N, C-alpha and C. Protein backbone atom coordinates (compact mmCIF):
# COMPACT_ATOMS: atom_id res chain seq x y z
N MET A 1 227.78 165.94 118.14
CA MET A 1 228.56 164.77 118.46
C MET A 1 228.70 163.89 117.21
N LYS A 2 229.88 163.38 117.04
CA LYS A 2 230.13 162.50 115.89
C LYS A 2 230.22 161.06 116.40
N TYR A 3 229.45 160.20 115.78
CA TYR A 3 229.45 158.78 116.17
C TYR A 3 230.19 157.98 115.12
N ARG A 4 230.86 156.98 115.60
CA ARG A 4 231.58 156.10 114.69
C ARG A 4 231.15 154.68 114.98
N ILE A 5 230.81 153.97 113.94
CA ILE A 5 230.43 152.56 114.09
C ILE A 5 231.57 151.73 113.50
N ASP A 6 232.16 150.92 114.34
CA ASP A 6 233.23 150.03 113.86
C ASP A 6 232.62 148.70 113.45
N LEU A 7 232.57 148.49 112.16
CA LEU A 7 232.07 147.23 111.64
C LEU A 7 233.24 146.29 111.39
N PRO A 8 233.05 145.02 111.63
CA PRO A 8 234.15 144.06 111.42
C PRO A 8 234.31 143.70 109.93
N TRP A 9 234.82 144.67 109.16
CA TRP A 9 234.94 144.46 107.71
C TRP A 9 235.82 143.26 107.38
N ASN A 10 236.82 142.98 108.22
CA ASN A 10 237.68 141.82 107.95
C ASN A 10 236.86 140.53 107.97
N ARG A 11 235.95 140.42 108.91
CA ARG A 11 235.10 139.24 109.01
C ARG A 11 234.18 139.13 107.79
N TYR A 12 233.51 140.24 107.45
CA TYR A 12 232.59 140.22 106.31
C TYR A 12 233.36 139.95 105.02
N GLY A 13 234.52 140.59 104.91
CA GLY A 13 235.35 140.38 103.72
C GLY A 13 235.83 138.95 103.58
N LEU A 14 236.18 138.33 104.71
CA LEU A 14 236.62 136.94 104.67
C LEU A 14 235.47 136.02 104.26
N ILE A 15 234.29 136.26 104.77
CA ILE A 15 233.13 135.46 104.38
C ILE A 15 232.89 135.61 102.87
N ALA A 16 232.97 136.85 102.38
CA ALA A 16 232.81 137.09 100.94
C ALA A 16 233.91 136.41 100.14
N GLU A 17 235.13 136.45 100.65
CA GLU A 17 236.27 135.80 99.98
C GLU A 17 236.07 134.29 99.88
N LEU A 18 235.66 133.68 100.99
CA LEU A 18 235.41 132.24 100.96
C LEU A 18 234.27 131.90 100.00
N ALA A 19 233.26 132.77 99.95
CA ALA A 19 232.14 132.54 99.03
C ALA A 19 232.59 132.64 97.57
N SER A 20 233.61 133.43 97.31
CA SER A 20 234.10 133.56 95.94
C SER A 20 235.03 132.41 95.55
N LYS A 21 235.67 131.78 96.53
CA LYS A 21 236.66 130.75 96.22
C LYS A 21 236.19 129.31 96.46
N LEU A 22 235.37 129.10 97.47
CA LEU A 22 235.01 127.73 97.85
C LEU A 22 233.99 127.02 96.96
N PRO A 23 233.05 127.70 96.34
CA PRO A 23 232.08 126.94 95.53
C PRO A 23 232.71 126.06 94.45
N SER A 24 233.86 126.45 93.92
CA SER A 24 234.51 125.63 92.90
C SER A 24 235.29 124.46 93.53
N LYS A 25 235.58 124.53 94.80
CA LYS A 25 236.38 123.50 95.48
C LYS A 25 235.53 122.60 96.38
N SER A 26 234.57 123.19 97.07
CA SER A 26 233.78 122.46 98.06
C SER A 26 232.61 121.73 97.41
N PRO A 27 232.39 120.48 97.80
CA PRO A 27 231.23 119.76 97.27
C PRO A 27 229.90 120.32 97.77
N GLN A 28 229.93 121.10 98.84
CA GLN A 28 228.71 121.67 99.39
C GLN A 28 229.03 122.86 100.30
N PHE A 29 229.33 123.99 99.69
CA PHE A 29 229.69 125.16 100.49
C PHE A 29 228.42 125.81 101.03
N GLY A 30 228.17 125.53 102.30
CA GLY A 30 227.01 126.06 102.99
C GLY A 30 227.40 126.54 104.37
N LYS A 31 226.41 126.68 105.22
CA LYS A 31 226.64 127.23 106.56
C LYS A 31 227.56 126.36 107.41
N THR A 32 227.40 125.04 107.33
CA THR A 32 228.25 124.14 108.12
C THR A 32 229.69 124.22 107.66
N VAL A 33 229.91 124.19 106.35
CA VAL A 33 231.28 124.27 105.83
C VAL A 33 231.90 125.61 106.20
N LEU A 34 231.15 126.70 106.10
CA LEU A 34 231.69 128.00 106.48
C LEU A 34 232.12 128.00 107.95
N GLN A 35 231.26 127.48 108.82
CA GLN A 35 231.59 127.41 110.25
C GLN A 35 232.92 126.68 110.47
N LYS A 36 233.08 125.54 109.79
CA LYS A 36 234.28 124.74 110.01
C LYS A 36 235.53 125.39 109.41
N MET A 37 235.39 126.03 108.25
CA MET A 37 236.55 126.68 107.63
C MET A 37 237.04 127.84 108.50
N ILE A 38 236.12 128.62 109.03
CA ILE A 38 236.51 129.73 109.91
C ILE A 38 237.12 129.19 111.21
N PHE A 39 236.53 128.12 111.75
CA PHE A 39 237.09 127.49 112.95
C PHE A 39 238.53 127.05 112.69
N LEU A 40 238.75 126.39 111.55
CA LEU A 40 240.10 125.92 111.21
C LEU A 40 241.06 127.09 111.02
N LEU A 41 240.61 128.17 110.38
CA LEU A 41 241.47 129.34 110.23
C LEU A 41 241.90 129.88 111.60
N GLN A 42 240.97 129.90 112.53
CA GLN A 42 241.30 130.42 113.87
C GLN A 42 242.17 129.46 114.66
N LYS A 43 241.81 128.19 114.67
CA LYS A 43 242.47 127.24 115.59
C LYS A 43 243.76 126.64 115.04
N ILE A 44 243.80 126.32 113.77
CA ILE A 44 245.01 125.72 113.20
C ILE A 44 245.96 126.78 112.66
N TYR A 45 245.39 127.74 111.95
CA TYR A 45 246.21 128.73 111.26
C TYR A 45 246.36 130.04 112.03
N LYS A 46 245.75 130.10 113.22
CA LYS A 46 245.92 131.23 114.15
C LYS A 46 245.54 132.59 113.57
N VAL A 47 244.50 132.62 112.72
CA VAL A 47 243.97 133.88 112.21
C VAL A 47 243.00 134.40 113.27
N ASN A 48 243.32 135.54 113.85
CA ASN A 48 242.53 136.08 114.95
C ASN A 48 241.30 136.82 114.42
N LEU A 49 240.16 136.15 114.47
CA LEU A 49 238.91 136.75 114.02
C LEU A 49 237.99 137.07 115.19
N GLY A 50 238.30 136.53 116.36
CA GLY A 50 237.53 136.83 117.56
C GLY A 50 236.26 136.03 117.74
N TYR A 51 236.06 135.01 116.93
CA TYR A 51 234.87 134.18 117.11
C TYR A 51 235.08 133.19 118.25
N GLU A 52 234.02 132.99 119.03
CA GLU A 52 234.04 131.96 120.07
C GLU A 52 233.22 130.77 119.56
N PHE A 53 233.82 129.61 119.63
CA PHE A 53 233.16 128.39 119.18
C PHE A 53 232.85 127.49 120.36
N ARG A 54 231.71 126.83 120.28
CA ARG A 54 231.37 125.79 121.25
C ARG A 54 230.96 124.55 120.47
N LEU A 55 231.05 123.41 121.11
CA LEU A 55 230.68 122.17 120.43
C LEU A 55 229.17 122.09 120.31
N TYR A 56 228.71 121.80 119.12
CA TYR A 56 227.29 121.79 118.81
C TYR A 56 226.98 120.55 117.99
N THR A 57 225.78 120.43 117.53
CA THR A 57 225.31 119.24 116.81
C THR A 57 226.27 118.79 115.72
N HIS A 58 226.70 119.71 114.87
CA HIS A 58 227.57 119.35 113.75
C HIS A 58 229.00 119.81 113.95
N GLY A 59 229.45 119.83 115.21
CA GLY A 59 230.82 120.21 115.50
C GLY A 59 230.90 121.64 116.02
N PRO A 60 232.10 122.24 116.00
CA PRO A 60 232.27 123.59 116.51
C PRO A 60 231.35 124.58 115.78
N PHE A 61 230.75 125.47 116.58
CA PHE A 61 229.76 126.40 116.05
C PHE A 61 229.89 127.74 116.75
N SER A 62 229.74 128.84 115.99
CA SER A 62 229.77 130.19 116.55
C SER A 62 228.51 130.93 116.13
N THR A 63 227.75 131.40 117.12
CA THR A 63 226.56 132.19 116.79
C THR A 63 226.96 133.54 116.20
N GLU A 64 228.09 134.09 116.64
CA GLU A 64 228.58 135.36 116.09
C GLU A 64 228.85 135.23 114.59
N LEU A 65 229.43 134.10 114.20
CA LEU A 65 229.71 133.87 112.78
C LEU A 65 228.41 133.78 111.99
N LEU A 66 227.42 133.12 112.54
CA LEU A 66 226.13 133.03 111.87
C LEU A 66 225.52 134.43 111.70
N ASP A 67 225.64 135.27 112.73
CA ASP A 67 225.17 136.65 112.62
C ASP A 67 225.92 137.41 111.55
N ASP A 68 227.25 137.22 111.51
CA ASP A 68 228.06 137.90 110.49
C ASP A 68 227.72 137.42 109.09
N LEU A 69 227.41 136.16 108.94
CA LEU A 69 226.99 135.63 107.63
C LEU A 69 225.69 136.31 107.20
N ASP A 70 224.74 136.41 108.11
CA ASP A 70 223.48 137.07 107.79
C ASP A 70 223.71 138.53 107.39
N TYR A 71 224.60 139.21 108.11
CA TYR A 71 224.86 140.61 107.79
C TYR A 71 225.60 140.74 106.46
N THR A 72 226.51 139.81 106.19
CA THR A 72 227.21 139.81 104.91
C THR A 72 226.22 139.62 103.76
N GLN A 73 225.21 138.78 103.99
CA GLN A 73 224.16 138.61 102.99
C GLN A 73 223.38 139.92 102.83
N LEU A 74 223.03 140.56 103.92
CA LEU A 74 222.30 141.83 103.88
C LEU A 74 223.08 142.88 103.09
N LEU A 75 224.40 142.88 103.23
CA LEU A 75 225.25 143.83 102.51
C LEU A 75 225.46 143.44 101.04
N GLY A 76 224.98 142.26 100.66
CA GLY A 76 225.12 141.81 99.28
C GLY A 76 226.40 141.07 98.98
N GLY A 77 227.17 140.76 100.01
CA GLY A 77 228.45 140.05 99.81
C GLY A 77 228.28 138.59 99.46
N VAL A 78 227.19 137.99 99.93
CA VAL A 78 226.91 136.58 99.63
C VAL A 78 225.41 136.41 99.37
N GLN A 79 225.11 135.32 98.73
CA GLN A 79 223.73 134.85 98.57
C GLN A 79 223.64 133.53 99.30
N ILE A 80 222.54 133.30 99.99
CA ILE A 80 222.32 132.04 100.68
C ILE A 80 221.02 131.46 100.16
N ASN A 81 221.12 130.27 99.60
CA ASN A 81 219.94 129.59 99.06
C ASN A 81 219.77 128.25 99.73
N TYR A 82 218.53 127.89 99.99
CA TYR A 82 218.24 126.57 100.57
C TYR A 82 218.23 125.53 99.46
N VAL A 83 218.97 124.45 99.68
CA VAL A 83 219.01 123.33 98.75
C VAL A 83 218.42 122.14 99.49
N GLN A 84 217.30 121.65 99.03
CA GLN A 84 216.55 120.62 99.76
C GLN A 84 217.38 119.38 100.09
N SER A 85 218.26 118.98 99.22
CA SER A 85 218.99 117.73 99.44
C SER A 85 220.07 117.82 100.52
N TRP A 86 220.59 119.03 100.81
CA TRP A 86 221.65 119.09 101.82
C TRP A 86 221.70 120.34 102.67
N GLY A 87 220.88 121.31 102.49
CA GLY A 87 220.89 122.47 103.37
C GLY A 87 221.08 123.77 102.62
N TYR A 88 221.96 124.62 103.12
CA TYR A 88 222.15 125.96 102.56
C TYR A 88 223.39 126.03 101.69
N GLU A 89 223.24 126.71 100.58
CA GLU A 89 224.35 126.93 99.66
C GLU A 89 224.71 128.41 99.68
N ILE A 90 226.00 128.69 99.87
CA ILE A 90 226.48 130.07 99.89
C ILE A 90 227.23 130.34 98.59
N SER A 91 226.90 131.45 97.96
CA SER A 91 227.59 131.85 96.74
C SER A 91 227.83 133.36 96.80
N PRO A 92 228.70 133.88 95.92
CA PRO A 92 228.96 135.32 95.93
C PRO A 92 227.70 136.12 95.62
N GLY A 93 227.53 137.24 96.31
CA GLY A 93 226.42 138.14 96.07
C GLY A 93 226.83 139.26 95.12
N ALA A 94 225.90 140.13 94.81
CA ALA A 94 226.13 141.22 93.87
C ALA A 94 227.22 142.19 94.34
N GLU A 95 227.40 142.32 95.65
CA GLU A 95 228.39 143.25 96.20
C GLU A 95 229.63 142.52 96.75
N ASN A 96 229.86 141.30 96.27
CA ASN A 96 230.97 140.49 96.78
C ASN A 96 232.31 141.20 96.61
N ASP A 97 232.58 141.71 95.42
CA ASP A 97 233.87 142.39 95.18
C ASP A 97 234.02 143.62 96.07
N SER A 98 232.96 144.38 96.21
CA SER A 98 232.97 145.59 97.02
C SER A 98 233.27 145.27 98.49
N LEU A 99 232.67 144.22 98.99
CA LEU A 99 232.88 143.84 100.38
C LEU A 99 234.31 143.34 100.60
N ARG A 100 234.82 142.58 99.65
CA ARG A 100 236.20 142.11 99.75
C ARG A 100 237.17 143.28 99.68
N ASP A 101 236.84 144.32 98.90
CA ASP A 101 237.69 145.51 98.83
C ASP A 101 237.79 146.20 100.19
N LYS A 102 236.72 146.19 100.95
CA LYS A 102 236.73 146.83 102.27
C LYS A 102 237.68 146.11 103.24
N ALA A 103 237.97 144.86 102.96
CA ALA A 103 238.88 144.07 103.80
C ALA A 103 240.16 143.74 103.05
N ASN A 104 240.48 144.54 102.05
CA ASN A 104 241.59 144.24 101.15
C ASN A 104 242.92 144.02 101.87
N ASP A 105 243.27 144.91 102.80
CA ASP A 105 244.56 144.77 103.50
C ASP A 105 244.62 143.45 104.27
N PHE A 106 243.55 143.15 104.98
CA PHE A 106 243.47 141.90 105.75
C PHE A 106 243.57 140.69 104.82
N LEU A 107 242.80 140.70 103.74
CA LEU A 107 242.78 139.56 102.81
C LEU A 107 244.13 139.38 102.12
N LYS A 108 244.81 140.48 101.80
CA LYS A 108 246.15 140.38 101.21
C LYS A 108 247.12 139.76 102.22
N ASP A 109 247.03 140.23 103.46
CA ASP A 109 247.92 139.75 104.52
C ASP A 109 247.71 138.25 104.79
N LYS A 110 246.48 137.80 104.70
CA LYS A 110 246.14 136.40 105.02
C LYS A 110 245.96 135.53 103.78
N LYS A 111 246.33 136.04 102.62
CA LYS A 111 246.08 135.33 101.35
C LYS A 111 246.63 133.90 101.35
N GLN A 112 247.88 133.73 101.72
CA GLN A 112 248.48 132.39 101.71
C GLN A 112 247.79 131.46 102.71
N THR A 113 247.43 131.98 103.85
CA THR A 113 246.75 131.17 104.87
C THR A 113 245.37 130.75 104.38
N ILE A 114 244.64 131.68 103.78
CA ILE A 114 243.31 131.36 103.24
C ILE A 114 243.43 130.31 102.15
N GLU A 115 244.40 130.48 101.27
CA GLU A 115 244.61 129.50 100.20
C GLU A 115 244.98 128.13 100.76
N LYS A 116 245.77 128.14 101.83
CA LYS A 116 246.20 126.88 102.45
C LYS A 116 245.02 126.13 103.07
N VAL A 117 244.14 126.82 103.80
CA VAL A 117 242.99 126.15 104.42
C VAL A 117 242.03 125.65 103.33
N ILE A 118 241.89 126.42 102.25
CA ILE A 118 241.02 125.98 101.15
C ILE A 118 241.61 124.74 100.48
N GLU A 119 242.91 124.76 100.25
CA GLU A 119 243.56 123.61 99.61
C GLU A 119 243.49 122.36 100.50
N GLU A 120 243.76 122.55 101.77
CA GLU A 120 243.81 121.43 102.71
C GLU A 120 242.44 120.87 103.05
N PHE A 121 241.45 121.74 103.26
CA PHE A 121 240.16 121.28 103.77
C PHE A 121 238.97 121.60 102.87
N GLY A 122 239.16 122.43 101.87
CA GLY A 122 238.05 122.90 101.05
C GLY A 122 237.33 121.82 100.26
N GLY A 123 238.00 120.74 99.95
CA GLY A 123 237.38 119.67 99.18
C GLY A 123 236.62 118.65 100.02
N LEU A 124 236.65 118.82 101.34
CA LEU A 124 235.96 117.88 102.22
C LEU A 124 234.47 118.20 102.28
N SER A 125 233.68 117.16 102.49
CA SER A 125 232.24 117.36 102.67
C SER A 125 231.98 117.98 104.05
N ALA A 126 230.77 118.48 104.23
CA ALA A 126 230.38 119.05 105.53
C ALA A 126 230.54 118.00 106.63
N LYS A 127 230.18 116.77 106.33
CA LYS A 127 230.28 115.70 107.32
C LYS A 127 231.74 115.44 107.71
N ASP A 128 232.64 115.38 106.72
CA ASP A 128 234.06 115.18 107.02
C ASP A 128 234.64 116.36 107.80
N LEU A 129 234.22 117.58 107.43
CA LEU A 129 234.68 118.75 108.18
C LEU A 129 234.16 118.73 109.61
N GLU A 130 232.94 118.23 109.79
CA GLU A 130 232.39 118.08 111.14
C GLU A 130 233.31 117.21 112.00
N LEU A 131 233.72 116.08 111.44
CA LEU A 131 234.59 115.17 112.19
C LEU A 131 235.96 115.79 112.46
N HIS A 132 236.59 116.32 111.42
CA HIS A 132 237.93 116.90 111.59
C HIS A 132 237.92 118.06 112.59
N SER A 133 236.95 118.94 112.49
CA SER A 133 236.92 120.09 113.39
C SER A 133 236.58 119.67 114.82
N THR A 134 235.76 118.63 114.97
CA THR A 134 235.45 118.12 116.31
C THR A 134 236.70 117.53 116.96
N ILE A 135 237.48 116.81 116.19
CA ILE A 135 238.74 116.25 116.71
C ILE A 135 239.66 117.38 117.17
N ILE A 136 239.78 118.43 116.37
CA ILE A 136 240.64 119.56 116.72
C ILE A 136 240.09 120.27 117.96
N PHE A 137 238.78 120.43 118.04
CA PHE A 137 238.16 121.06 119.21
C PHE A 137 238.48 120.26 120.47
N VAL A 138 238.32 118.93 120.41
CA VAL A 138 238.58 118.07 121.56
C VAL A 138 240.07 118.11 121.92
N ASP A 139 240.94 118.09 120.92
CA ASP A 139 242.38 118.17 121.16
C ASP A 139 242.72 119.43 121.94
N GLN A 140 242.17 120.55 121.52
CA GLN A 140 242.46 121.81 122.20
C GLN A 140 241.85 121.85 123.59
N ASP A 141 240.69 121.25 123.74
CA ASP A 141 240.06 121.18 125.06
C ASP A 141 240.91 120.34 126.02
N ILE A 142 241.41 119.22 125.54
CA ILE A 142 242.26 118.36 126.36
C ILE A 142 243.54 119.11 126.74
N LYS A 143 244.13 119.82 125.78
CA LYS A 143 245.35 120.60 126.06
C LYS A 143 245.12 121.64 127.15
N GLN A 144 243.95 122.28 127.12
CA GLN A 144 243.65 123.31 128.11
C GLN A 144 243.56 122.74 129.52
N THR A 145 243.16 121.48 129.64
CA THR A 145 243.06 120.87 130.97
C THR A 145 244.42 120.39 131.47
N GLY A 146 245.41 120.35 130.56
CA GLY A 146 246.73 119.88 130.94
C GLY A 146 246.85 118.37 131.02
N GLN A 147 245.82 117.69 130.53
CA GLN A 147 245.83 116.23 130.57
C GLN A 147 246.39 115.66 129.27
N SER A 148 246.62 114.37 129.30
CA SER A 148 247.08 113.65 128.12
C SER A 148 246.31 112.34 128.05
N PHE A 149 245.69 112.10 126.91
CA PHE A 149 244.92 110.86 126.74
C PHE A 149 245.55 110.00 125.64
N PRO A 150 245.53 108.70 125.81
CA PRO A 150 246.01 107.83 124.73
C PRO A 150 245.04 107.86 123.54
N ARG A 151 245.53 107.50 122.39
CA ARG A 151 244.76 107.53 121.16
C ARG A 151 243.41 106.84 121.29
N ASP A 152 243.40 105.62 121.83
CA ASP A 152 242.15 104.85 121.92
C ASP A 152 241.10 105.57 122.76
N ARG A 153 241.53 106.24 123.82
CA ARG A 153 240.58 106.97 124.66
C ARG A 153 240.01 108.18 123.91
N VAL A 154 240.86 108.85 123.13
CA VAL A 154 240.39 109.99 122.34
C VAL A 154 239.38 109.52 121.29
N VAL A 155 239.66 108.40 120.65
CA VAL A 155 238.74 107.85 119.65
C VAL A 155 237.39 107.54 120.31
N LEU A 156 237.42 106.92 121.49
CA LEU A 156 236.17 106.62 122.21
C LEU A 156 235.42 107.90 122.59
N LEU A 157 236.14 108.90 123.03
CA LEU A 157 235.53 110.17 123.40
C LEU A 157 234.83 110.82 122.19
N ILE A 158 235.53 110.84 121.07
CA ILE A 158 234.94 111.41 119.85
C ILE A 158 233.73 110.58 119.43
N ASN A 159 233.82 109.28 119.55
CA ASN A 159 232.72 108.39 119.17
C ASN A 159 231.50 108.62 120.06
N GLU A 160 231.71 108.94 121.32
CA GLU A 160 230.59 109.27 122.20
C GLU A 160 229.93 110.58 121.78
N LEU A 161 230.76 111.53 121.35
CA LEU A 161 230.23 112.82 120.89
C LEU A 161 229.57 112.71 119.51
N LYS A 162 230.14 111.87 118.68
CA LYS A 162 229.70 111.73 117.29
C LYS A 162 229.49 110.25 116.95
N PRO A 163 228.43 109.63 117.50
CA PRO A 163 228.24 108.19 117.30
C PRO A 163 227.93 107.79 115.85
N HIS A 164 227.62 108.75 114.99
CA HIS A 164 227.37 108.42 113.59
C HIS A 164 228.67 108.19 112.81
N PHE A 165 229.82 108.40 113.45
CA PHE A 165 231.11 108.06 112.85
C PHE A 165 231.63 106.79 113.52
N THR A 166 232.15 105.87 112.72
CA THR A 166 232.72 104.65 113.28
C THR A 166 234.05 104.97 113.96
N LYS A 167 234.44 104.12 114.87
CA LYS A 167 235.72 104.29 115.55
C LYS A 167 236.87 104.25 114.54
N GLU A 168 236.73 103.42 113.52
CA GLU A 168 237.77 103.32 112.49
C GLU A 168 237.89 104.64 111.72
N THR A 169 236.76 105.22 111.34
CA THR A 169 236.76 106.50 110.61
C THR A 169 237.37 107.60 111.48
N ILE A 170 237.01 107.61 112.74
CA ILE A 170 237.55 108.61 113.68
C ILE A 170 239.06 108.43 113.81
N GLY A 171 239.50 107.19 113.97
CA GLY A 171 240.92 106.90 114.12
C GLY A 171 241.73 107.33 112.90
N LEU A 172 241.19 107.09 111.71
CA LEU A 172 241.88 107.50 110.48
C LEU A 172 242.01 109.02 110.39
N ALA A 173 240.92 109.72 110.71
CA ALA A 173 240.95 111.19 110.67
C ALA A 173 241.90 111.72 111.73
N LEU A 174 241.88 111.14 112.93
CA LEU A 174 242.78 111.55 114.01
C LEU A 174 244.23 111.37 113.59
N ASP A 175 244.54 110.22 113.01
CA ASP A 175 245.92 109.96 112.57
C ASP A 175 246.37 110.93 111.49
N LYS A 176 245.46 111.25 110.57
CA LYS A 176 245.77 112.20 109.50
C LYS A 176 246.08 113.58 110.08
N LEU A 177 245.23 114.05 111.00
CA LEU A 177 245.44 115.36 111.61
C LEU A 177 246.71 115.41 112.44
N LYS A 178 246.97 114.32 113.15
CA LYS A 178 248.20 114.28 113.97
C LYS A 178 249.43 114.23 113.08
N GLY A 179 249.35 113.47 112.00
CA GLY A 179 250.48 113.38 111.06
C GLY A 179 250.83 114.73 110.43
N LYS A 180 249.86 115.59 110.29
CA LYS A 180 250.09 116.93 109.73
C LYS A 180 250.45 117.95 110.80
N GLY A 181 250.46 117.50 112.06
CA GLY A 181 250.83 118.39 113.15
C GLY A 181 249.72 119.31 113.63
N TYR A 182 248.48 119.03 113.24
CA TYR A 182 247.36 119.87 113.62
C TYR A 182 246.83 119.57 115.03
N ILE A 183 247.12 118.38 115.53
CA ILE A 183 246.71 118.00 116.88
C ILE A 183 247.87 117.32 117.58
N THR A 184 247.76 117.20 118.90
CA THR A 184 248.83 116.54 119.66
C THR A 184 248.34 115.31 120.39
N VAL A 185 247.00 115.19 120.62
CA VAL A 185 246.50 114.03 121.36
C VAL A 185 246.57 112.78 120.52
N GLY A 186 246.47 111.66 121.20
CA GLY A 186 246.45 110.37 120.51
C GLY A 186 247.80 109.85 120.27
């Protein structure tokens, strides 16, 4: 009998690709930033990676993505180092190029989209990405219920979820995302 194991090379290759591109753009490319960038690729840019996200301490989070990151590290596609001042730092591993080659067709097809998410969101801190991705998560959740909330109610809802952000900061981020067409609420 011949067995075949289907590994999600596109996922591993994308993680390796982000590790090769984001350290020069992101002020702190770590696990939280990776989670948010992949969330944004799926939700805003409609890149179908199959990750399921739920709202967690620092915004949308996928345990599958965390598993894939660990496996990408095991394959040598990335290195993950603990940085005491802010958490985990992700950088390219010894097999980064090799792993990206395994996902070459996918990465070529999504090149412009990957560049766009990096340009648009790659320079944000983990904290700013937490807020932006939480707003997008809530917007999509509201859309799924078929309801419509006024801006002030959405700001209050986000503030209840993320009380460490001021209502003013939330409102500014919400307006920015809505102005770019990334959300519809508010």
